[in-house]
Amino acid sequence: MTRHGERLVAPLLEEVRGRDAAQVVMWLWDQGLMNVRSLECRAIRSRVERLVGEGRGRVRAMEQAAADFCCSYEKVRDIIYERRK
């Protein structure tokens, strides 16, 4: 992390000191400091990987993730294959 980055996160570190991980995540969310798009991509990738690990084919897993996250199959497909670019 750069010196600039350290200065930017220092107030956050003070604010979350003594909180457990769940409290920190909820606080960051409430403050609007989390990137919703990144969280969505991470959750969708995780869901697809879990379903594939349970024995579903990749296409079926992506279809299920689209249903679970109320989004299009194309969006899920783009998220899954974006990682490989």
N, C-alpha and C. Protein backbone atom coordinates (compact mmCIF):
# COMPACT_ATOMS: atom_id res chain seq x y z
N MET A 1 0.85 -1.17 0.00
CA MET A 1 0.00 0.00 0.00
C MET A 1 0.89 1.24 0.00
N THR A 2 0.46 2.22 -0.74
CA THR A 2 1.24 3.46 -0.82
C THR A 2 1.01 4.30 0.44
N ARG A 3 1.84 5.30 0.59
CA ARG A 3 1.70 6.23 1.72
C ARG A 3 0.34 6.93 1.66
N HIS A 4 -0.05 7.29 0.45
CA HIS A 4 -1.35 7.94 0.26
C HIS A 4 -2.48 7.01 0.70
N GLY A 5 -2.39 5.76 0.29
CA GLY A 5 -3.40 4.77 0.68
C GLY A 5 -3.46 4.60 2.19
N GLU A 6 -2.29 4.57 2.82
CA GLU A 6 -2.24 4.44 4.28
C GLU A 6 -2.96 5.61 4.95
N ARG A 7 -2.76 6.81 4.41
CA ARG A 7 -3.43 7.99 4.98
C ARG A 7 -4.95 7.90 4.80
N LEU A 8 -5.37 7.36 3.67
CA LEU A 8 -6.80 7.25 3.40
C LEU A 8 -7.49 6.23 4.31
N VAL A 9 -6.82 5.14 4.60
CA VAL A 9 -7.46 4.10 5.41
C VAL A 9 -7.27 4.28 6.91
N ALA A 10 -6.36 5.13 7.33
CA ALA A 10 -6.10 5.32 8.76
C ALA A 10 -7.37 5.66 9.55
N PRO A 11 -8.20 6.58 9.08
CA PRO A 11 -9.43 6.87 9.84
C PRO A 11 -10.37 5.67 9.92
N LEU A 12 -10.39 4.86 8.86
CA LEU A 12 -11.24 3.67 8.88
C LEU A 12 -10.74 2.66 9.91
N LEU A 13 -9.44 2.50 9.97
CA LEU A 13 -8.86 1.57 10.95
C LEU A 13 -9.22 1.98 12.37
N GLU A 14 -9.17 3.27 12.64
CA GLU A 14 -9.57 3.78 13.95
C GLU A 14 -11.04 3.48 14.22
N GLU A 15 -11.86 3.70 13.24
CA GLU A 15 -13.31 3.52 13.38
C GLU A 15 -13.69 2.08 13.66
N VAL A 16 -12.99 1.12 13.07
CA VAL A 16 -13.37 -0.29 13.21
C VAL A 16 -12.60 -1.03 14.30
N ARG A 17 -11.68 -0.37 14.93
CA ARG A 17 -10.88 -1.02 15.99
C ARG A 17 -11.80 -1.60 17.05
N GLY A 18 -11.56 -2.86 17.39
CA GLY A 18 -12.34 -3.53 18.43
C GLY A 18 -13.61 -4.20 17.94
N ARG A 19 -13.96 -4.02 16.68
CA ARG A 19 -15.16 -4.67 16.14
C ARG A 19 -14.79 -6.02 15.54
N ASP A 20 -15.73 -6.95 15.55
CA ASP A 20 -15.45 -8.23 14.90
C ASP A 20 -15.68 -8.09 13.39
N ALA A 21 -15.31 -9.10 12.66
CA ALA A 21 -15.34 -9.03 11.18
C ALA A 21 -16.73 -8.70 10.65
N ALA A 22 -17.77 -9.33 11.19
CA ALA A 22 -19.13 -9.07 10.71
C ALA A 22 -19.52 -7.62 10.95
N GLN A 23 -19.16 -7.09 12.10
CA GLN A 23 -19.47 -5.69 12.40
C GLN A 23 -18.73 -4.75 11.45
N VAL A 24 -17.49 -5.07 11.14
CA VAL A 24 -16.71 -4.24 10.22
C VAL A 24 -17.36 -4.22 8.84
N VAL A 25 -17.73 -5.39 8.35
CA VAL A 25 -18.34 -5.48 7.02
C VAL A 25 -19.64 -4.70 7.00
N MET A 26 -20.48 -4.86 8.01
CA MET A 26 -21.75 -4.14 8.05
C MET A 26 -21.53 -2.63 8.15
N TRP A 27 -20.54 -2.22 8.91
CA TRP A 27 -20.24 -0.80 9.04
C TRP A 27 -19.78 -0.22 7.70
N LEU A 28 -18.89 -0.94 7.02
CA LEU A 28 -18.43 -0.49 5.71
C LEU A 28 -19.60 -0.37 4.74
N TRP A 29 -20.51 -1.34 4.78
CA TRP A 29 -21.69 -1.31 3.91
C TRP A 29 -22.55 -0.09 4.24
N ASP A 30 -22.83 0.10 5.51
CA ASP A 30 -23.67 1.24 5.94
C ASP A 30 -23.07 2.58 5.55
N GLN A 31 -21.75 2.66 5.52
CA GLN A 31 -21.07 3.90 5.17
C GLN A 31 -20.96 4.10 3.65
N GLY A 32 -21.37 3.11 2.89
CA GLY A 32 -21.30 3.19 1.43
C GLY A 32 -19.88 3.05 0.91
N LEU A 33 -19.05 2.32 1.65
CA LEU A 33 -17.64 2.20 1.29
C LEU A 33 -17.31 0.89 0.59
N MET A 34 -18.34 0.14 0.23
CA MET A 34 -18.09 -1.12 -0.46
C MET A 34 -18.52 -0.99 -1.91
N ASN A 35 -17.77 -1.62 -2.79
CA ASN A 35 -18.06 -1.60 -4.21
C ASN A 35 -19.11 -2.68 -4.51
N VAL A 36 -20.35 -2.26 -4.73
CA VAL A 36 -21.46 -3.19 -4.91
C VAL A 36 -21.23 -4.09 -6.12
N ARG A 37 -20.71 -3.56 -7.19
CA ARG A 37 -20.46 -4.36 -8.40
C ARG A 37 -19.45 -5.48 -8.11
N SER A 38 -18.40 -5.14 -7.41
CA SER A 38 -17.40 -6.16 -7.06
C SER A 38 -17.98 -7.23 -6.15
N LEU A 39 -18.80 -6.82 -5.19
CA LEU A 39 -19.44 -7.77 -4.29
C LEU A 39 -20.38 -8.70 -5.05
N GLU A 40 -21.14 -8.12 -5.98
CA GLU A 40 -22.06 -8.91 -6.77
C GLU A 40 -21.30 -9.95 -7.62
N CYS A 41 -20.24 -9.53 -8.25
CA CYS A 41 -19.43 -10.45 -9.07
C CYS A 41 -18.86 -11.57 -8.22
N ARG A 42 -18.35 -11.20 -7.07
CA ARG A 42 -17.76 -12.20 -6.16
C ARG A 42 -18.81 -13.21 -5.70
N ALA A 43 -20.02 -12.72 -5.35
CA ALA A 43 -21.08 -13.60 -4.89
C ALA A 43 -21.55 -14.53 -6.01
N ILE A 44 -21.69 -14.01 -7.21
CA ILE A 44 -22.12 -14.83 -8.33
C ILE A 44 -21.07 -15.88 -8.67
N ARG A 45 -19.81 -15.48 -8.71
CA ARG A 45 -18.74 -16.46 -8.98
C ARG A 45 -18.74 -17.56 -7.92
N SER A 46 -18.89 -17.16 -6.68
CA SER A 46 -18.89 -18.12 -5.59
C SER A 46 -20.05 -19.10 -5.73
N ARG A 47 -21.23 -18.60 -6.07
CA ARG A 47 -22.41 -19.46 -6.23
C ARG A 47 -22.20 -20.45 -7.37
N VAL A 48 -21.69 -19.98 -8.50
CA VAL A 48 -21.45 -20.87 -9.63
C VAL A 48 -20.41 -21.92 -9.25
N GLU A 49 -19.32 -21.52 -8.63
CA GLU A 49 -18.28 -22.48 -8.23
C GLU A 49 -18.84 -23.53 -7.27
N ARG A 50 -19.68 -23.09 -6.32
CA ARG A 50 -20.28 -24.02 -5.36
C ARG A 50 -21.17 -25.03 -6.08
N LEU A 51 -21.99 -24.56 -7.00
CA LEU A 51 -22.89 -25.46 -7.74
C LEU A 51 -22.11 -26.44 -8.61
N VAL A 52 -21.07 -25.96 -9.26
CA VAL A 52 -20.23 -26.85 -10.07
C VAL A 52 -19.56 -27.89 -9.17
N GLY A 53 -19.11 -27.45 -8.00
CA GLY A 53 -18.50 -28.36 -7.04
C GLY A 53 -19.47 -29.43 -6.54
N GLU A 54 -20.75 -29.10 -6.56
CA GLU A 54 -21.79 -30.06 -6.16
C GLU A 54 -22.18 -30.99 -7.30
N GLY A 55 -21.57 -30.80 -8.47
CA GLY A 55 -21.81 -31.71 -9.58
C GLY A 55 -22.65 -31.17 -10.72
N ARG A 56 -23.11 -29.95 -10.65
CA ARG A 56 -23.86 -29.37 -11.76
C ARG A 56 -22.90 -28.99 -12.88
N GLY A 57 -23.39 -29.04 -14.09
CA GLY A 57 -22.59 -28.56 -15.21
C GLY A 57 -22.48 -27.04 -15.12
N ARG A 58 -21.47 -26.49 -15.75
CA ARG A 58 -21.24 -25.04 -15.67
C ARG A 58 -22.43 -24.23 -16.20
N VAL A 59 -23.00 -24.65 -17.32
CA VAL A 59 -24.14 -23.91 -17.88
C VAL A 59 -25.32 -23.94 -16.92
N ARG A 60 -25.64 -25.11 -16.37
CA ARG A 60 -26.75 -25.23 -15.41
C ARG A 60 -26.46 -24.42 -14.16
N ALA A 61 -25.22 -24.40 -13.72
CA ALA A 61 -24.85 -23.63 -12.54
C ALA A 61 -25.03 -22.13 -12.80
N MET A 62 -24.66 -21.68 -14.00
CA MET A 62 -24.83 -20.27 -14.33
C MET A 62 -26.31 -19.92 -14.45
N GLU A 63 -27.12 -20.83 -14.98
CA GLU A 63 -28.56 -20.59 -15.06
C GLU A 63 -29.15 -20.46 -13.66
N GLN A 64 -28.73 -21.33 -12.76
CA GLN A 64 -29.23 -21.29 -11.39
C GLN A 64 -28.80 -20.00 -10.68
N ALA A 65 -27.56 -19.60 -10.89
CA ALA A 65 -27.07 -18.36 -10.29
C ALA A 65 -27.85 -17.16 -10.81
N ALA A 66 -28.18 -17.16 -12.08
CA ALA A 66 -28.98 -16.06 -12.64
C ALA A 66 -30.34 -16.00 -11.95
N ALA A 67 -30.94 -17.16 -11.73
CA ALA A 67 -32.23 -17.19 -11.04
C ALA A 67 -32.08 -16.73 -9.59
N ASP A 68 -31.02 -17.19 -8.93
CA ASP A 68 -30.79 -16.85 -7.52
C ASP A 68 -30.57 -15.35 -7.33
N PHE A 69 -29.88 -14.73 -8.28
CA PHE A 69 -29.54 -13.31 -8.14
C PHE A 69 -30.46 -12.40 -8.96
N CYS A 70 -31.53 -12.99 -9.51
CA CYS A 70 -32.53 -12.22 -10.27
C CYS A 70 -31.87 -11.36 -11.35
N CYS A 71 -31.03 -12.01 -12.13
CA CYS A 71 -30.38 -11.30 -13.23
C CYS A 71 -30.36 -12.22 -14.45
N SER A 72 -29.86 -11.72 -15.54
CA SER A 72 -29.85 -12.51 -16.77
C SER A 72 -28.69 -13.51 -16.78
N TYR A 73 -28.91 -14.57 -17.54
CA TYR A 73 -27.85 -15.56 -17.75
C TYR A 73 -26.64 -14.88 -18.38
N GLU A 74 -26.89 -13.95 -19.29
CA GLU A 74 -25.80 -13.25 -19.98
C GLU A 74 -24.93 -12.48 -18.98
N LYS A 75 -25.56 -11.87 -18.00
CA LYS A 75 -24.79 -11.15 -16.98
C LYS A 75 -23.90 -12.11 -16.20
N VAL A 76 -24.46 -13.25 -15.80
CA VAL A 76 -23.68 -14.25 -15.07
C VAL A 76 -22.54 -14.76 -15.95
N ARG A 77 -22.85 -15.08 -17.19
CA ARG A 77 -21.82 -15.58 -18.12
C ARG A 77 -20.69 -14.57 -18.26
N ASP A 78 -21.05 -13.31 -18.43
CA ASP A 78 -20.02 -12.27 -18.56
C ASP A 78 -19.15 -12.19 -17.31
N ILE A 79 -19.76 -12.30 -16.15
CA ILE A 79 -19.01 -12.24 -14.89
C ILE A 79 -18.07 -13.44 -14.78
N ILE A 80 -18.57 -14.62 -15.11
CA ILE A 80 -17.75 -15.83 -14.99
C ILE A 80 -16.57 -15.80 -15.96
N TYR A 81 -16.80 -15.42 -17.20
CA TYR A 81 -15.72 -15.47 -18.17
C TYR A 81 -14.86 -14.21 -18.19
N GLU A 82 -15.33 -13.15 -17.59
CA GLU A 82 -14.54 -11.91 -17.46
C GLU A 82 -13.26 -12.19 -16.68
N ARG A 83 -13.33 -13.05 -15.70
CA ARG A 83 -12.20 -13.38 -14.85
C ARG A 83 -11.05 -14.01 -15.65
N ARG A 84 -11.39 -14.68 -16.71
CA ARG A 84 -10.38 -15.42 -17.49
C ARG A 84 -9.70 -14.56 -18.53
N LYS A 85 -10.14 -13.34 -18.74
CA LYS A 85 -9.56 -12.49 -19.78
C LYS A 85 -8.21 -11.96 -19.35
